[in-house]
Amino acid sequence: MKSSMRFGCGDNAVIDGAGPPCKLQRMKRPTPGWLLLVLALKHSLNAEAIAALGGESAKIQADVTRLIEDMNASISSANEFLRQMPKSGQ
């Protein structure tokens, strides 16, 4: 089954050339109300994305803090192990 993508010149136009040729038409300028709606939607989506990133940032910071604590505990354990090892040459 061959699929073809529709192209913005009407229902009969297709990218692969199987349909009749079409004339490209100049788009009409969007109305100010439409532009305001798009800007409001963009603002809303950006606000949601920023809020989600803020939550992620706090989670990452907590994870990094926990990682540093675990690393410090491992370093202390390794240092204690090295202190208990017999010194060579004695």
C-alpha atoms as a PDB file:
ATOM      1  CA  MET A   1       0.000   0.000   0.000  1.00  0.00           C
ATOM      2  CA  LYS A   2       1.597   3.217  -1.159  1.00  0.00           C
ATOM      3  CA  SER A   3       0.995   6.184   1.093  1.00  0.00           C
ATOM      4  CA  SER A   4       1.276   9.763   0.021  1.00  0.00           C
ATOM      5  CA  MET A   5       1.333  12.904   2.074  1.00  0.00           C
ATOM      6  CA  ARG A   6      -1.192  15.608   1.358  1.00  0.00           C
ATOM      7  CA  PHE A   7       0.245  18.967   0.445  1.00  0.00           C
ATOM      8  CA  GLY A   8      -1.407  22.297   1.183  1.00  0.00           C
ATOM      9  CA  CYS A   9      -3.016  22.872  -2.252  1.00  0.00           C
ATOM     10  CA  GLY A  10      -6.257  20.969  -1.793  1.00  0.00           C
ATOM     11  CA  ASP A  11      -7.381  17.402  -1.329  1.00  0.00           C
ATOM     12  CA  ASN A  12      -6.147  16.180  -4.712  1.00  0.00           C
ATOM     13  CA  ALA A  13      -2.559  17.409  -4.413  1.00  0.00           C
ATOM     14  CA  VAL A  14       0.084  14.964  -3.238  1.00  0.00           C
ATOM     15  CA  ILE A  15       3.827  15.268  -2.760  1.00  0.00           C
ATOM     16  CA  ASP A  16       4.761  12.217  -4.823  1.00  0.00           C
ATOM     17  CA  GLY A  17       3.234  13.711  -7.993  1.00  0.00           C
ATOM     18  CA  ALA A  18       0.428  11.155  -8.358  1.00  0.00           C
ATOM     19  CA  GLY A  19      -2.228  13.838  -8.132  1.00  0.00           C
ATOM     20  CA  PRO A  20      -2.957  16.737 -10.450  1.00  0.00           C
ATOM     21  CA  PRO A  21      -0.628  19.738 -10.271  1.00  0.00           C
ATOM     22  CA  CYS A  22      -1.792  22.610  -8.132  1.00  0.00           C
ATOM     23  CA  LYS A  23      -1.026  26.282  -7.975  1.00  0.00           C
ATOM     24  CA  LEU A  24       0.530  27.528  -4.755  1.00  0.00           C
ATOM     25  CA  GLN A  25      -1.589  30.260  -3.283  1.00  0.00           C
ATOM     26  CA  ARG A  26      -0.506  33.063  -1.022  1.00  0.00           C
ATOM     27  CA  MET A  27      -1.785  32.586   2.504  1.00  0.00           C
ATOM     28  CA  LYS A  28      -4.054  35.229   3.957  1.00  0.00           C
ATOM     29  CA  ARG A  29      -2.627  37.230   6.843  1.00  0.00           C
ATOM     30  CA  PRO A  30      -3.914  35.878  10.161  1.00  0.00           C
ATOM     31  CA  THR A  31      -6.291  38.080  12.126  1.00  0.00           C
ATOM     32  CA  PRO A  32      -5.011  39.790  15.290  1.00  0.00           C
ATOM     33  CA  GLY A  33      -7.400  37.703  17.412  1.00  0.00           C
ATOM     34  CA  TRP A  34      -5.914  34.495  16.031  1.00  0.00           C
ATOM     35  CA  LEU A  35      -2.400  35.754  16.734  1.00  0.00           C
ATOM     36  CA  LEU A  36      -3.341  36.587  20.320  1.00  0.00           C
ATOM     37  CA  LEU A  37      -4.808  33.109  20.758  1.00  0.00           C
ATOM     38  CA  VAL A  38      -1.611  31.512  19.454  1.00  0.00           C
ATOM     39  CA  LEU A  39       0.530  33.698  21.722  1.00  0.00           C
ATOM     40  CA  ALA A  40      -1.636  32.813  24.731  1.00  0.00           C
ATOM     41  CA  LEU A  41      -1.319  29.113  23.923  1.00  0.00           C
ATOM     42  CA  LYS A  42       2.455  29.465  23.480  1.00  0.00           C
ATOM     43  CA  HIS A  43       2.729  31.293  26.805  1.00  0.00           C
ATOM     44  CA  SER A  44       0.664  28.624  28.567  1.00  0.00           C
ATOM     45  CA  LEU A  45       2.764  25.784  27.151  1.00  0.00           C
ATOM     46  CA  ASN A  46       5.993  27.574  28.054  1.00  0.00           C
ATOM     47  CA  ALA A  47       4.753  28.187  31.608  1.00  0.00           C
ATOM     48  CA  GLU A  48       3.902  24.493  31.991  1.00  0.00           C
ATOM     49  CA  ALA A  49       7.310  23.472  30.648  1.00  0.00           C
ATOM     50  CA  ILE A  50       9.133  25.848  32.996  1.00  0.00           C
ATOM     51  CA  ALA A  51       7.101  24.622  35.975  1.00  0.00           C
ATOM     52  CA  ALA A  52       7.933  21.016  35.078  1.00  0.00           C
ATOM     53  CA  LEU A  53      11.617  21.898  34.792  1.00  0.00           C
ATOM     54  CA  GLY A  54      11.504  23.563  38.198  1.00  0.00           C
ATOM     55  CA  GLY A  55      10.255  20.334  39.764  1.00  0.00           C
ATOM     56  CA  GLU A  56      12.892  18.340  37.873  1.00  0.00           C
ATOM     57  CA  SER A  57      15.593  20.732  39.058  1.00  0.00           C
ATOM     58  CA  ALA A  58      14.673  20.182  42.717  1.00  0.00           C
ATOM     59  CA  LYS A  59      14.657  16.394  42.191  1.00  0.00           C
ATOM     60  CA  ILE A  60      18.053  16.488  40.469  1.00  0.00           C
ATOM     61  CA  GLN A  61      19.493  18.642  43.256  1.00  0.00           C
ATOM     62  CA  ALA A  62      18.235  16.176  45.876  1.00  0.00           C
ATOM     63  CA  ASP A  63      19.727  13.281  43.890  1.00  0.00           C
ATOM     64  CA  VAL A  64      23.086  15.067  43.621  1.00  0.00           C
ATOM     65  CA  THR A  65      23.090  15.803  47.361  1.00  0.00           C
ATOM     66  CA  ARG A  66      22.378  12.137  48.114  1.00  0.00           C
ATOM     67  CA  LEU A  67      25.117  11.060  45.677  1.00  0.00           C
ATOM     68  CA  ILE A  68      27.672  13.341  47.361  1.00  0.00           C
ATOM     69  CA  GLU A  69      26.709  11.959  50.779  1.00  0.00           C
ATOM     70  CA  ASP A  70      27.103   8.377  49.507  1.00  0.00           C
ATOM     71  CA  MET A  71      30.474   9.212  47.940  1.00  0.00           C
ATOM     72  CA  ASN A  72      31.733  10.786  51.172  1.00  0.00           C
ATOM     73  CA  ALA A  73      30.643   7.705  53.136  1.00  0.00           C
ATOM     74  CA  SER A  74      32.484   5.453  50.652  1.00  0.00           C
ATOM     75  CA  ILE A  75      35.614   7.594  50.863  1.00  0.00           C
ATOM     76  CA  SER A  76      35.525   7.451  54.678  1.00  0.00           C
ATOM     77  CA  SER A  77      35.120   3.682  54.581  1.00  0.00           C
ATOM     78  CA  ALA A  78      38.033   3.337  52.129  1.00  0.00           C
ATOM     79  CA  ASN A  79      40.241   5.590  54.290  1.00  0.00           C
ATOM     80  CA  GLU A  80      39.427   3.525  57.374  1.00  0.00           C
ATOM     81  CA  PHE A  81      40.297   0.333  55.494  1.00  0.00           C
ATOM     82  CA  LEU A  82      43.642   1.819  54.408  1.00  0.00           C
ATOM     83  CA  ARG A  83      44.438   2.903  58.006  1.00  0.00           C
ATOM     84  CA  GLN A  84      43.912  -0.664  59.224  1.00  0.00           C
ATOM     85  CA  MET A  85      46.185  -2.217  56.606  1.00  0.00           C
ATOM     86  CA  PRO A  86      49.618  -3.189  57.887  1.00  0.00           C
ATOM     87  CA  LYS A  87      52.306  -0.830  56.681  1.00  0.00           C
ATOM     88  CA  SER A  88      54.906  -2.442  54.429  1.00  0.00           C
ATOM     89  CA  GLY A  89      58.508  -2.457  55.597  1.00  0.00           C
ATOM     90  CA  GLN A  90      57.726  -2.814  59.287  1.00  0.00           C
END
